[in-house]
Each structure stands twice: as C-alpha cells, then as structure tokens.
C-alpha cells in the first residue's frame, strides 16, 4: 500500500513506516500531522488517481525532528576582475514517519 502526497510544493511517494524529510511544517516534535492532499492511492491491487485529489483519503504521520539541512555553498566569481562572493544556505526540514494510509 502506498500513496503520492503533495507537501511543500513537492510530491512524495510514501508507504507505511517510511521515514522522510520534507519542507518545514508547523508542529512540535512528537505531534501528529495529517496530509489530505493525496494525488494517488494504491492498496496493492487497485490504483486510484485523483483529479486533482483523491476524495476521503488521508495519510497520518508524526513528527520525529525539526532541523536544518547541510550547508550549500554558493560561490560567484568573475575572472580578472577581483570579484568573489561566497554565500551559504541551510534549508529547514521536518523529518516525519508515516503511520497509516487510508482511503
């Protein structure tokens, strides 16, 4: 059984007991969260596609961690001009564990 959910402008194929990192969501560590933006649902035999969402489908998860990802460096350089610029960025994320998928 799996589903395709949309959160943070991205789509994720999830199944039960899966742990994944998504764009930052509101909520404290250990709290329950529900996704109702389900694009596709499969129970192993049949596949249900939404247009755009599957009605009455729900994915329940709980938050394991709120954190920041690894630093990404952005380096700009123009040769022979003495122009160098270095900038770093760390993206916030929420680590979740999928508990149940229901339709």
PDB file of N, CA and C in Angstrom:
ATOM      1  N   UNK A   1       0.843  -1.169   0.000  1.00  0.00           N
ATOM      2  CA  UNK A   1       0.000   0.000   0.000  1.00  0.00           C
ATOM      3  C   UNK A   1       0.892   1.237   0.000  1.00  0.00           C
ATOM      4  N   UNK A   2       0.600   2.155  -0.905  1.00  0.00           N
ATOM      5  CA  UNK A   2       1.358   3.395  -0.972  1.00  0.00           C
ATOM      6  C   UNK A   2       0.465   4.517  -1.470  1.00  0.00           C
ATOM      7  N   UNK A   3       0.971   5.733  -1.323  1.00  0.00           N
ATOM      8  CA  UNK A   3       0.231   6.908  -1.782  1.00  0.00           C
ATOM      9  C   UNK A   3       1.236   7.940  -2.261  1.00  0.00           C
ATOM     10  N   UNK A   4       0.760   8.868  -3.077  1.00  0.00           N
ATOM     11  CA  UNK A   4       1.569  10.004  -3.508  1.00  0.00           C
ATOM     12  C   UNK A   4       0.945  11.243  -2.881  1.00  0.00           C
ATOM     13  N   UNK A   5       1.732  11.935  -2.042  1.00  0.00           N
ATOM     14  CA  UNK A   5       1.230  13.124  -1.359  1.00  0.00           C
ATOM     15  C   UNK A   5       1.959  14.350  -1.882  1.00  0.00           C
ATOM     16  N   UNK A   6       1.325  15.520  -1.688  1.00  0.00           N
ATOM     17  CA  UNK A   6       1.951  16.774  -2.085  1.00  0.00           C
ATOM     18  C   UNK A   6       2.081  17.634  -0.836  1.00  0.00           C
ATOM     19  N   UNK A   7       3.315  18.075  -0.554  1.00  0.00           N
ATOM     20  CA  UNK A   7       3.566  18.979   0.559  1.00  0.00           C
ATOM     21  C   UNK A   7       4.802  19.804   0.246  1.00  0.00           C
ATOM     22  N   UNK A   8       4.764  21.062   0.581  1.00  0.00           N
ATOM     23  CA  UNK A   8       5.899  21.944   0.352  1.00  0.00           C
ATOM     24  C   UNK A   8       6.213  22.160  -1.117  1.00  0.00           C
ATOM     25  N   UNK A   9       5.222  22.015  -2.007  1.00  0.00           N
ATOM     26  CA  UNK A   9       5.441  22.201  -3.433  1.00  0.00           C
ATOM     27  C   UNK A   9       6.102  21.021  -4.109  1.00  0.00           C
ATOM     28  N   UNK A  10       6.261  19.906  -3.377  1.00  0.00           N
ATOM     29  CA  UNK A  10       6.885  18.709  -3.938  1.00  0.00           C
ATOM     30  C   UNK A  10       5.940  17.520  -3.767  1.00  0.00           C
ATOM     31  N   UNK A  11       6.189  16.459  -4.532  1.00  0.00           N
ATOM     32  CA  UNK A  11       5.388  15.251  -4.433  1.00  0.00           C
ATOM     33  C   UNK A  11       6.268  14.115  -3.921  1.00  0.00           C
ATOM     34  N   UNK A  12       5.712  13.299  -3.020  1.00  0.00           N
ATOM     35  CA  UNK A  12       6.450  12.201  -2.411  1.00  0.00           C
ATOM     36  C   UNK A  12       5.621  10.925  -2.502  1.00  0.00           C
ATOM     37  N   UNK A  13       6.269   9.829  -2.914  1.00  0.00           N
ATOM     38  CA  UNK A  13       5.639   8.517  -2.874  1.00  0.00           C
ATOM     39  C   UNK A  13       5.951   7.926  -1.504  1.00  0.00           C
ATOM     40  N   UNK A  14       4.918   7.650  -0.709  1.00  0.00           N
ATOM     41  CA  UNK A  14       5.125   7.207   0.667  1.00  0.00           C
ATOM     42  C   UNK A  14       4.427   5.871   0.897  1.00  0.00           C
ATOM     43  N   UNK A  15       4.952   5.117   1.839  1.00  0.00           N
ATOM     44  CA  UNK A  15       4.320   3.895   2.305  1.00  0.00           C
ATOM     45  C   UNK A  15       4.412   3.875   3.829  1.00  0.00           C
ATOM     46  N   UNK A  16       3.682   2.977   4.459  1.00  0.00           N
ATOM     47  CA  UNK A  16       3.632   2.937   5.914  1.00  0.00           C
ATOM     48  C   UNK A  16       5.002   2.616   6.496  1.00  0.00           C
ATOM     49  N   UNK A  17       5.283   3.205   7.655  1.00  0.00           N
ATOM     50  CA  UNK A  17       6.535   3.053   8.402  1.00  0.00           C
ATOM     51  C   UNK A  17       7.732   3.702   7.706  1.00  0.00           C
ATOM     52  N   UNK A  18       7.499   4.527   6.685  1.00  0.00           N
ATOM     53  CA  UNK A  18       8.590   5.211   5.989  1.00  0.00           C
ATOM     54  C   UNK A  18       8.971   6.481   6.744  1.00  0.00           C
ATOM     55  N   UNK A  19      10.267   6.773   6.774  1.00  0.00           N
ATOM     56  CA  UNK A  19      10.781   7.999   7.378  1.00  0.00           C
ATOM     57  C   UNK A  19      11.331   8.864   6.263  1.00  0.00           C
ATOM     58  N   UNK A  20      10.905  10.133   6.190  1.00  0.00           N
ATOM     59  CA  UNK A  20      11.404  11.014   5.140  1.00  0.00           C
ATOM     60  C   UNK A  20      11.469  12.446   5.643  1.00  0.00           C
ATOM     61  N   UNK A  21      12.273  13.240   4.940  1.00  0.00           N
ATOM     62  CA  UNK A  21      12.438  14.653   5.252  1.00  0.00           C
ATOM     63  C   UNK A  21      11.677  15.467   4.224  1.00  0.00           C
ATOM     64  N   UNK A  22      10.828  16.379   4.707  1.00  0.00           N
ATOM     65  CA  UNK A  22      10.032  17.238   3.837  1.00  0.00           C
ATOM     66  C   UNK A  22      10.324  18.690   4.211  1.00  0.00           C
ATOM     67  N   UNK A  23       9.827  19.618   3.386  1.00  0.00           N
ATOM     68  CA  UNK A  23       9.965  21.036   3.706  1.00  0.00           C
ATOM     69  C   UNK A  23       9.325  21.297   5.067  1.00  0.00           C
ATOM     70  N   UNK A  24       9.805  22.323   5.750  1.00  0.00           N
ATOM     71  CA  UNK A  24       9.398  22.585   7.124  1.00  0.00           C
ATOM     72  C   UNK A  24       7.875  22.702   7.269  1.00  0.00           C
ATOM     73  N   UNK A  25       7.348  21.984   8.293  1.00  0.00           N
ATOM     74  CA  UNK A  25       5.935  22.013   8.628  1.00  0.00           C
ATOM     75  C   UNK A  25       5.772  22.531  10.050  1.00  0.00           C
ATOM     76  N   UNK A  26       4.630  23.131  10.330  1.00  0.00           N
ATOM     77  CA  UNK A  26       4.354  23.597  11.683  1.00  0.00           C
ATOM     78  C   UNK A  26       4.049  22.405  12.567  1.00  0.00           C
ATOM     79  N   UNK A  27       4.535  22.451  13.797  1.00  0.00           N
ATOM     80  CA  UNK A  27       4.258  21.392  14.756  1.00  0.00           C
ATOM     81  C   UNK A  27       5.493  21.068  15.567  1.00  0.00           C
ATOM     82  N   UNK A  28       5.260  20.568  16.767  1.00  0.00           N
ATOM     83  CA  UNK A  28       6.360  20.201  17.662  1.00  0.00           C
ATOM     84  C   UNK A  28       6.757  18.748  17.431  1.00  0.00           C
ATOM     85  N   UNK A  29       7.941  18.402  17.917  1.00  0.00           N
ATOM     86  CA  UNK A  29       8.404  17.018  17.797  1.00  0.00           C
ATOM     87  C   UNK A  29       7.469  16.106  18.579  1.00  0.00           C
ATOM     88  N   UNK A  30       7.100  14.984  17.973  1.00  0.00           N
ATOM     89  CA  UNK A  30       6.208  14.031  18.612  1.00  0.00           C
ATOM     90  C   UNK A  30       4.738  14.268  18.321  1.00  0.00           C
ATOM     91  N   UNK A  31       4.388  15.383  17.685  1.00  0.00           N
ATOM     92  CA  UNK A  31       2.982  15.667  17.406  1.00  0.00           C
ATOM     93  C   UNK A  31       2.520  14.953  16.141  1.00  0.00           C
ATOM     94  N   UNK A  32       1.209  14.756  16.063  1.00  0.00           N
ATOM     95  CA  UNK A  32       0.589  14.070  14.920  1.00  0.00           C
ATOM     96  C   UNK A  32       0.300  15.086  13.822  1.00  0.00           C
ATOM     97  N   UNK A  33       0.422  14.652  12.569  1.00  0.00           N
ATOM     98  CA  UNK A  33       0.126  15.517  11.436  1.00  0.00           C
ATOM     99  C   UNK A  33      -0.614  14.689  10.386  1.00  0.00           C
ATOM    100  N   UNK A  34      -1.531  15.338   9.661  1.00  0.00           N
ATOM    101  CA  UNK A  34      -2.319  14.648   8.644  1.00  0.00           C
ATOM    102  C   UNK A  34      -2.159  15.342   7.305  1.00  0.00           C
ATOM    103  N   UNK A  35      -2.016  14.550   6.256  1.00  0.00           N
ATOM    104  CA  UNK A  35      -1.935  15.055   4.893  1.00  0.00           C
ATOM    105  C   UNK A  35      -3.220  14.658   4.179  1.00  0.00           C
ATOM    106  N   UNK A  36      -3.939  15.648   3.644  1.00  0.00           N
ATOM    107  CA  UNK A  36      -5.155  15.339   2.904  1.00  0.00           C
ATOM    108  C   UNK A  36      -5.015  15.652   1.417  1.00  0.00           C
ATOM    109  N   UNK A  37      -3.838  16.102   1.011  1.00  0.00           N
ATOM    110  CA  UNK A  37      -3.575  16.401  -0.399  1.00  0.00           C
ATOM    111  C   UNK A  37      -2.958  15.152  -1.052  1.00  0.00           C
ATOM    112  N   UNK A  38      -3.799  14.132  -1.271  1.00  0.00           N
ATOM    113  CA  UNK A  38      -3.369  12.839  -1.809  1.00  0.00           C
ATOM    114  C   UNK A  38      -3.644  12.830  -3.306  1.00  0.00           C
ATOM    115  N   UNK A  39      -2.601  12.643  -4.106  1.00  0.00           N
ATOM    116  CA  UNK A  39      -2.742  12.664  -5.562  1.00  0.00           C
ATOM    117  C   UNK A  39      -3.033  11.283  -6.138  1.00  0.00           C
ATOM    118  N   UNK A  40      -2.526  10.232  -5.464  1.00  0.00           N
ATOM    119  CA  UNK A  40      -2.735   8.868  -5.931  1.00  0.00           C
ATOM    120  C   UNK A  40      -2.711   7.932  -4.744  1.00  0.00           C
ATOM    121  N   UNK A  41      -3.497   6.863  -4.819  1.00  0.00           N
ATOM    122  CA  UNK A  41      -3.570   5.893  -3.732  1.00  0.00           C
ATOM    123  C   UNK A  41      -3.618   4.491  -4.329  1.00  0.00           C
ATOM    124  N   UNK A  42      -2.857   3.570  -3.745  1.00  0.00           N
ATOM    125  CA  UNK A  42      -2.870   2.189  -4.200  1.00  0.00           C
ATOM    126  C   UNK A  42      -2.943   1.275  -2.988  1.00  0.00           C
ATOM    127  N   UNK A  43      -3.851   0.289  -3.037  1.00  0.00           N
ATOM    128  CA  UNK A  43      -3.968  -0.676  -1.940  1.00  0.00           C
ATOM    129  C   UNK A  43      -3.300  -2.002  -2.277  1.00  0.00           C
ATOM    130  N   UNK A  44      -2.529  -2.047  -3.343  1.00  0.00           N
ATOM    131  CA  UNK A  44      -1.846  -3.264  -3.739  1.00  0.00           C
ATOM    132  C   UNK A  44      -2.487  -3.925  -4.946  1.00  0.00           C
ATOM    133  N   UNK A  45      -3.781  -3.742  -5.119  1.00  0.00           N
ATOM    134  CA  UNK A  45      -4.487  -4.339  -6.251  1.00  0.00           C
ATOM    135  C   UNK A  45      -5.027  -3.277  -7.202  1.00  0.00           C
ATOM    136  N   UNK A  46      -5.645  -2.249  -6.639  1.00  0.00           N
ATOM    137  CA  UNK A  46      -6.219  -1.200  -7.465  1.00  0.00           C
ATOM    138  C   UNK A  46      -5.495   0.118  -7.215  1.00  0.00           C
ATOM    139  N   UNK A  47      -5.461   0.937  -8.245  1.00  0.00           N
ATOM    140  CA  UNK A  47      -4.844   2.247  -8.159  1.00  0.00           C
ATOM    141  C   UNK A  47      -5.940   3.292  -8.364  1.00  0.00           C
ATOM    142  N   UNK A  48      -5.990   4.258  -7.451  1.00  0.00           N
ATOM    143  CA  UNK A  48      -6.974   5.328  -7.537  1.00  0.00           C
ATOM    144  C   UNK A  48      -6.251   6.632  -7.807  1.00  0.00           C
ATOM    145  N   UNK A  49      -6.570   7.266  -8.930  1.00  0.00           N
ATOM    146  CA  UNK A  49      -5.982   8.553  -9.279  1.00  0.00           C
ATOM    147  C   UNK A  49      -6.972   9.658  -8.947  1.00  0.00           C
ATOM    148  N   UNK A  50      -6.454  10.752  -8.436  1.00  0.00           N
ATOM    149  CA  UNK A  50      -7.299  11.889  -8.132  1.00  0.00           C
ATOM    150  C   UNK A  50      -7.320  12.871  -9.272  1.00  0.00           C
ATOM    151  N   UNK A  51      -8.352  13.710  -9.257  1.00  0.00           N
ATOM    152  CA  UNK A  51      -8.406  14.751 -10.282  1.00  0.00           C
ATOM    153  C   UNK A  51      -8.858  16.060  -9.641  1.00  0.00           C
ATOM    154  N   UNK A  52      -8.042  16.826  -8.976  1.00  0.00           N
ATOM    155  CA  UNK A  52      -6.621  16.611  -8.747  1.00  0.00           C
ATOM    156  C   UNK A  52      -6.317  15.799  -7.498  1.00  0.00           C
ATOM    157  N   UNK A  53      -7.281  15.668  -6.548  1.00  0.00           N
ATOM    158  CA  UNK A  53      -7.019  14.935  -5.313  1.00  0.00           C
ATOM    159  C   UNK A  53      -7.958  13.742  -5.198  1.00  0.00           C
ATOM    160  N   UNK A  54      -7.513  12.738  -4.429  1.00  0.00           N
ATOM    161  CA  UNK A  54      -8.357  11.593  -4.120  1.00  0.00           C
ATOM    162  C   UNK A  54      -9.249  11.993  -2.950  1.00  0.00           C
ATOM    163  N   UNK A  55     -10.560  11.851  -3.122  1.00  0.00           N
ATOM    164  CA  UNK A  55     -11.502  12.234  -2.074  1.00  0.00           C
ATOM    165  C   UNK A  55     -11.460  11.227  -0.923  1.00  0.00           C
ATOM    166  N   UNK A  56     -11.618  11.716   0.285  1.00  0.00           N
ATOM    167  CA  UNK A  56     -11.687  10.910   1.512  1.00  0.00           C
ATOM    168  C   UNK A  56     -10.430  10.081   1.755  1.00  0.00           C
ATOM    169  N   UNK A  57      -9.299  10.504   1.251  1.00  0.00           N
ATOM    170  CA  UNK A  57      -8.035   9.817   1.505  1.00  0.00           C
ATOM    171  C   UNK A  57      -7.249  10.631   2.526  1.00  0.00           C
ATOM    172  N   UNK A  58      -6.513   9.928   3.383  1.00  0.00           N
ATOM    173  CA  UNK A  58      -5.798  10.591   4.460  1.00  0.00           C
ATOM    174  C   UNK A  58      -4.522   9.824   4.778  1.00  0.00           C
ATOM    175  N   UNK A  59      -3.436  10.554   4.962  1.00  0.00           N
ATOM    176  CA  UNK A  59      -2.174   9.963   5.389  1.00  0.00           C
ATOM    177  C   UNK A  59      -1.832  10.577   6.734  1.00  0.00           C
ATOM    178  N   UNK A  60      -1.638   9.719   7.739  1.00  0.00           N
ATOM    179  CA  UNK A  60      -1.297  10.189   9.082  1.00  0.00           C
ATOM    180  C   UNK A  60       0.181   9.917   9.337  1.00  0.00           C
ATOM    181  N   UNK A  61       0.830  10.898   9.947  1.00  0.00           N
ATOM    182  CA  UNK A  61       2.254  10.777  10.258  1.00  0.00           C
ATOM    183  C   UNK A  61       2.510  11.479  11.576  1.00  0.00           C
ATOM    184  N   UNK A  62       3.693  11.247  12.155  1.00  0.00           N
ATOM    185  CA  UNK A  62       4.074  12.049  13.303  1.00  0.00           C
ATOM    186  C   UNK A  62       5.477  12.581  13.098  1.00  0.00           C
ATOM    187  N   UNK A  63       5.727  13.728  13.715  1.00  0.00           N
ATOM    188  CA  UNK A  63       6.969  14.465  13.514  1.00  0.00           C
ATOM    189  C   UNK A  63       8.053  13.890  14.407  1.00  0.00           C
ATOM    190  N   UNK A  64       9.169  13.515  13.798  1.00  0.00           N
ATOM    191  CA  UNK A  64      10.313  13.000  14.546  1.00  0.00           C
ATOM    192  C   UNK A  64      11.298  14.102  14.908  1.00  0.00           C
ATOM    193  N   UNK A  65      11.514  15.048  13.986  1.00  0.00           N
ATOM    194  CA  UNK A  65      12.566  16.039  14.195  1.00  0.00           C
ATOM    195  C   UNK A  65      12.292  17.283  13.362  1.00  0.00           C
ATOM    196  N   UNK A  66      12.669  18.431  13.898  1.00  0.00           N
ATOM    197  CA  UNK A  66      12.691  19.691  13.161  1.00  0.00           C
ATOM    198  C   UNK A  66      14.164  20.093  13.096  1.00  0.00           C
ATOM    199  N   UNK A  67      14.678  20.408  11.917  1.00  0.00           N
ATOM    200  CA  UNK A  67      16.094  20.717  11.840  1.00  0.00           C
ATOM    201  C   UNK A  67      16.471  21.513  10.612  1.00  0.00           C
ATOM    202  N   UNK A  68      17.793  21.641  10.438  1.00  0.00           N
ATOM    203  CA  UNK A  68      18.346  22.329   9.280  1.00  0.00           C
ATOM    204  C   UNK A  68      19.240  21.350   8.535  1.00  0.00           C
ATOM    205  N   UNK A  69      19.191  21.414   7.214  1.00  0.00           N
ATOM    206  CA  UNK A  69      19.983  20.524   6.380  1.00  0.00           C
ATOM    207  C   UNK A  69      21.448  20.935   6.321  1.00  0.00           C
ATOM    208  N   UNK A  70      22.206  20.228   5.503  1.00  0.00           N
ATOM    209  CA  UNK A  70      23.613  20.548   5.324  1.00  0.00           C
ATOM    210  C   UNK A  70      23.758  21.875   4.598  1.00  0.00           C
ATOM    211  N   UNK A  71      24.886  22.539   4.817  1.00  0.00           N
ATOM    212  CA  UNK A  71      25.113  23.840   4.197  1.00  0.00           C
ATOM    213  C   UNK A  71      25.418  23.670   2.712  1.00  0.00           C
ATOM    214  N   UNK A  72      24.750  24.480   1.918  1.00  0.00           N
ATOM    215  CA  UNK A  72      25.002  24.546   0.486  1.00  0.00           C
ATOM    216  C   UNK A  72      25.741  25.843   0.216  1.00  0.00           C
ATOM    217  N   UNK A  73      26.886  25.755  -0.423  1.00  0.00           N
ATOM    218  CA  UNK A  73      27.684  26.942  -0.709  1.00  0.00           C
ATOM    219  C   UNK A  73      27.387  27.459  -2.108  1.00  0.00           C
ATOM    220  N   UNK A  74      27.281  28.787  -2.199  1.00  0.00           N
ATOM    221  CA  UNK A  74      27.084  29.460  -3.481  1.00  0.00           C
ATOM    222  C   UNK A  74      28.283  30.379  -3.662  1.00  0.00           C
ATOM    223  N   UNK A  75      29.060  30.148  -4.711  1.00  0.00           N
ATOM    224  CA  UNK A  75      30.276  30.921  -4.940  1.00  0.00           C
ATOM    225  C   UNK A  75      30.193  31.584  -6.301  1.00  0.00           C
ATOM    226  N   UNK A  76      30.259  32.911  -6.312  1.00  0.00           N
ATOM    227  CA  UNK A  76      30.241  33.664  -7.565  1.00  0.00           C
ATOM    228  C   UNK A  76      31.634  34.224  -7.801  1.00  0.00           C
ATOM    229  N   UNK A  77      32.059  34.223  -9.058  1.00  0.00           N
ATOM    230  CA  UNK A  77      33.431  34.585  -9.384  1.00  0.00           C
ATOM    231  C   UNK A  77      33.482  35.125 -10.804  1.00  0.00           C
ATOM    232  N   UNK A  78      34.182  36.226 -10.977  1.00  0.00           N
ATOM    233  CA  UNK A  78      34.437  36.737 -12.327  1.00  0.00           C
ATOM    234  C   UNK A  78      35.946  36.844 -12.487  1.00  0.00           C
ATOM    235  N   UNK A  79      36.464  36.201 -13.485  1.00  0.00           N
ATOM    236  CA  UNK A  79      37.911  36.149 -13.657  1.00  0.00           C
ATOM    237  C   UNK A  79      38.474  37.521 -14.021  1.00  0.00           C
ATOM    238  N   UNK A  80      39.661  37.783 -13.539  1.00  0.00           N
ATOM    239  CA  UNK A  80      40.439  39.000 -13.810  1.00  0.00           C
ATOM    240  C   UNK A  80      39.770  40.284 -13.306  1.00  0.00           C
ATOM    241  N   UNK A  81      38.719  40.215 -12.550  1.00  0.00           N
ATOM    242  CA  UNK A  81      38.027  41.416 -12.098  1.00  0.00           C
ATOM    243  C   UNK A  81      38.102  41.609 -10.588  1.00  0.00           C
ATOM    244  N   UNK A  82      38.629  40.633  -9.877  1.00  0.00           N
ATOM    245  CA  UNK A  82      38.711  40.733  -8.427  1.00  0.00           C
ATOM    246  C   UNK A  82      37.374  40.563  -7.733  1.00  0.00           C
ATOM    247  N   UNK A  83      36.408  39.976  -8.426  1.00  0.00           N
ATOM    248  CA  UNK A  83      35.077  39.803  -7.875  1.00  0.00           C
ATOM    249  C   UNK A  83      34.901  38.366  -7.391  1.00  0.00           C
ATOM    250  N   UNK A  84      34.699  38.237  -6.090  1.00  0.00           N
ATOM    251  CA  UNK A  84      34.426  36.935  -5.488  1.00  0.00           C
ATOM    252  C   UNK A  84      33.360  37.130  -4.431  1.00  0.00           C
ATOM    253  N   UNK A  85      32.380  36.259  -4.429  1.00  0.00           N
ATOM    254  CA  UNK A  85      31.330  36.340  -3.430  1.00  0.00           C
ATOM    255  C   UNK A  85      30.959  34.929  -2.998  1.00  0.00           C
ATOM    256  N   UNK A  86      30.998  34.683  -1.697  1.00  0.00           N
ATOM    257  CA  UNK A  86      30.670  33.365  -1.163  1.00  0.00           C
ATOM    258  C   UNK A  86      29.486  33.504  -0.220  1.00  0.00           C
ATOM    259  N   UNK A  87      28.509  32.641  -0.408  1.00  0.00           N
ATOM    260  CA  UNK A  87      27.317  32.681   0.407  1.00  0.00           C
ATOM    261  C   UNK A  87      26.904  31.258   0.739  1.00  0.00           C
ATOM    262  N   UNK A  88      26.369  31.047   1.912  1.00  0.00           N
ATOM    263  CA  UNK A  88      25.910  29.727   2.320  1.00  0.00           C
ATOM    264  C   UNK A  88      24.428  29.733   2.629  1.00  0.00           C
ATOM    265  N   UNK A  89      23.805  28.542   2.549  1.00  0.00           N
ATOM    266  CA  UNK A  89      22.380  28.418   2.825  1.00  0.00           C
ATOM    267  C   UNK A  89      22.123  27.062   3.471  1.00  0.00           C
ATOM    268  N   UNK A  90      21.304  27.059   4.524  1.00  0.00           N
ATOM    269  CA  UNK A  90      20.866  25.810   5.154  1.00  0.00           C
ATOM    270  C   UNK A  90      19.348  25.786   5.142  1.00  0.00           C
ATOM    271  N   UNK A  91      18.778  24.771   4.512  1.00  0.00           N
ATOM    272  CA  UNK A  91      17.332  24.665   4.365  1.00  0.00           C
ATOM    273  C   UNK A  91      16.719  23.995   5.591  1.00  0.00           C
ATOM    274  N   UNK A  92      15.615  24.552   6.089  1.00  0.00           N
ATOM    275  CA  UNK A  92      14.885  23.933   7.191  1.00  0.00           C
ATOM    276  C   UNK A  92      14.126  22.711   6.678  1.00  0.00           C
ATOM    277  N   UNK A  93      14.015  21.684   7.517  1.00  0.00           N
ATOM    278  CA  UNK A  93      13.271  20.489   7.147  1.00  0.00           C
ATOM    279  C   UNK A  93      12.525  19.941   8.356  1.00  0.00           C
ATOM    280  N   UNK A  94      11.568  19.075   8.078  1.00  0.00           N
ATOM    281  CA  UNK A  94      10.843  18.336   9.101  1.00  0.00           C
ATOM    282  C   UNK A  94      10.957  16.860   8.756  1.00  0.00           C
ATOM    283  N   UNK A  95      11.432  16.068   9.704  1.00  0.00           N
ATOM    284  CA  UNK A  95      11.541  14.627   9.493  1.00  0.00           C
ATOM    285  C   UNK A  95      10.276  13.977  10.052  1.00  0.00           C
ATOM    286  N   UNK A  96       9.585  13.215   9.209  1.00  0.00           N
ATOM    287  CA  UNK A  96       8.326  12.604   9.605  1.00  0.00           C
ATOM    288  C   UNK A  96       8.372  11.091   9.403  1.00  0.00           C
ATOM    289  N   UNK A  97       7.502  10.401  10.122  1.00  0.00           N
ATOM    290  CA  UNK A  97       7.342   8.963   9.951  1.00  0.00           C
ATOM    291  C   UNK A  97       5.876   8.698   9.620  1.00  0.00           C
ATOM    292  N   UNK A  98       5.638   8.019   8.497  1.00  0.00           N
ATOM    293  CA  UNK A  98       4.280   7.735   8.031  1.00  0.00           C
ATOM    294  C   UNK A  98       3.711   6.620   8.897  1.00  0.00           C
ATOM    295  N   UNK A  99       2.560   6.875   9.523  1.00  0.00           N
ATOM    296  CA  UNK A  99       1.923   5.889  10.399  1.00  0.00           C
ATOM    297  C   UNK A  99       0.878   5.064   9.652  1.00  0.00           C
ATOM    298  N   UNK A 100      -0.047   5.727   8.948  1.00  0.00           N
ATOM    299  CA  UNK A 100      -1.108   4.981   8.279  1.00  0.00           C
ATOM    300  C   UNK A 100      -1.566   5.709   7.016  1.00  0.00           C
ATOM    301  N   UNK A 101      -2.064   4.918   6.088  1.00  0.00           N
ATOM    302  CA  UNK A 101      -2.624   5.434   4.827  1.00  0.00           C
ATOM    303  C   UNK A 101      -4.032   4.850   4.727  1.00  0.00           C
ATOM    304  N   UNK A 102      -5.018   5.737   4.579  1.00  0.00           N
ATOM    305  CA  UNK A 102      -6.398   5.259   4.466  1.00  0.00           C
ATOM    306  C   UNK A 102      -7.120   5.992   3.352  1.00  0.00           C
ATOM    307  N   UNK A 103      -8.091   5.308   2.774  1.00  0.00           N
ATOM    308  CA  UNK A 103      -8.872   5.909   1.695  1.00  0.00           C
ATOM    309  C   UNK A 103     -10.348   5.708   1.946  1.00  0.00           C
TER     310      UNK A 103
END
